[in-house]
Amino acid sequence: MQDKQATPPAKSNSANSRWILFVVIAMCAAPMIFSYLTYYVIKPQGRTNYGDLLDPRAYPIPELGTTSLDGKPVALTDFKGKWIMLQINGSDCQKPCADKLYYMRQLRLAQGKEMDRIERVWLITDKEPLQTVLMREFEGTHMLRVDPAKLAAWLPVDSGTSAADHYYMIDPLGNLMMRFPKDPDANKIKKDLSKLLRASRVG
């Protein structure tokens, strides 16, 4: 009597399918994972940063209750997928504040074809009206009102400074990852931004 050929177990086919799916997902995710590791984990000798690198795992964007100037809810997480250059000031935007708005605009423009990967955000820590001239001059900057207490609980500052003294960078995954010093050198910030955009294809 001829033996019947054994039928392979169904679970073997299922395991193979799961393995193939895993390989496909890994291949798709590899470029993003590699670029992220390149910037945050792998630190080649001789590479220097002007801004202070922050651990992005420690500073995900919290619920800040931010709103547009007309009171509509707009969260920083709405800009996920882009690099966010962030500044903080009250509505009484004197020269240091206006200078920061100007340099944010110029630093973005200086990135050339990569500039669309960057969004500019000004978090305003009070409810007073803004100057119309200022709003027109820096059109394209997202101007959002924020609860200063919630903001202070999130943003790290240098000793002897306030959040208003710094620029901050948020990565496309929604994590705070870099802080620039008080009275910064714009050319050095430009170099850091260029390195960030080259090192990561995320955003």
Foldseek 3Di string as FASTA:
>chain_A
DDDDDDDPDPVVVVVVVVVVVVVVVCVVCVQQVQLVCLPPPDDDPPDDAQWDWDDQVQFFQDCFQKAALVRHGDGPLVQAQAKEKEAEEAQPQPDVNLVVLVLVVVLLVVLPPCSVRYAYEYEHADNDDHDPVSCVVNPRYGYIYTPVVVVQVRDDDDPPDDRNQWIWIAHNRRTTTTIHGGPGDSVSVSVNVNCSVVSGVRD
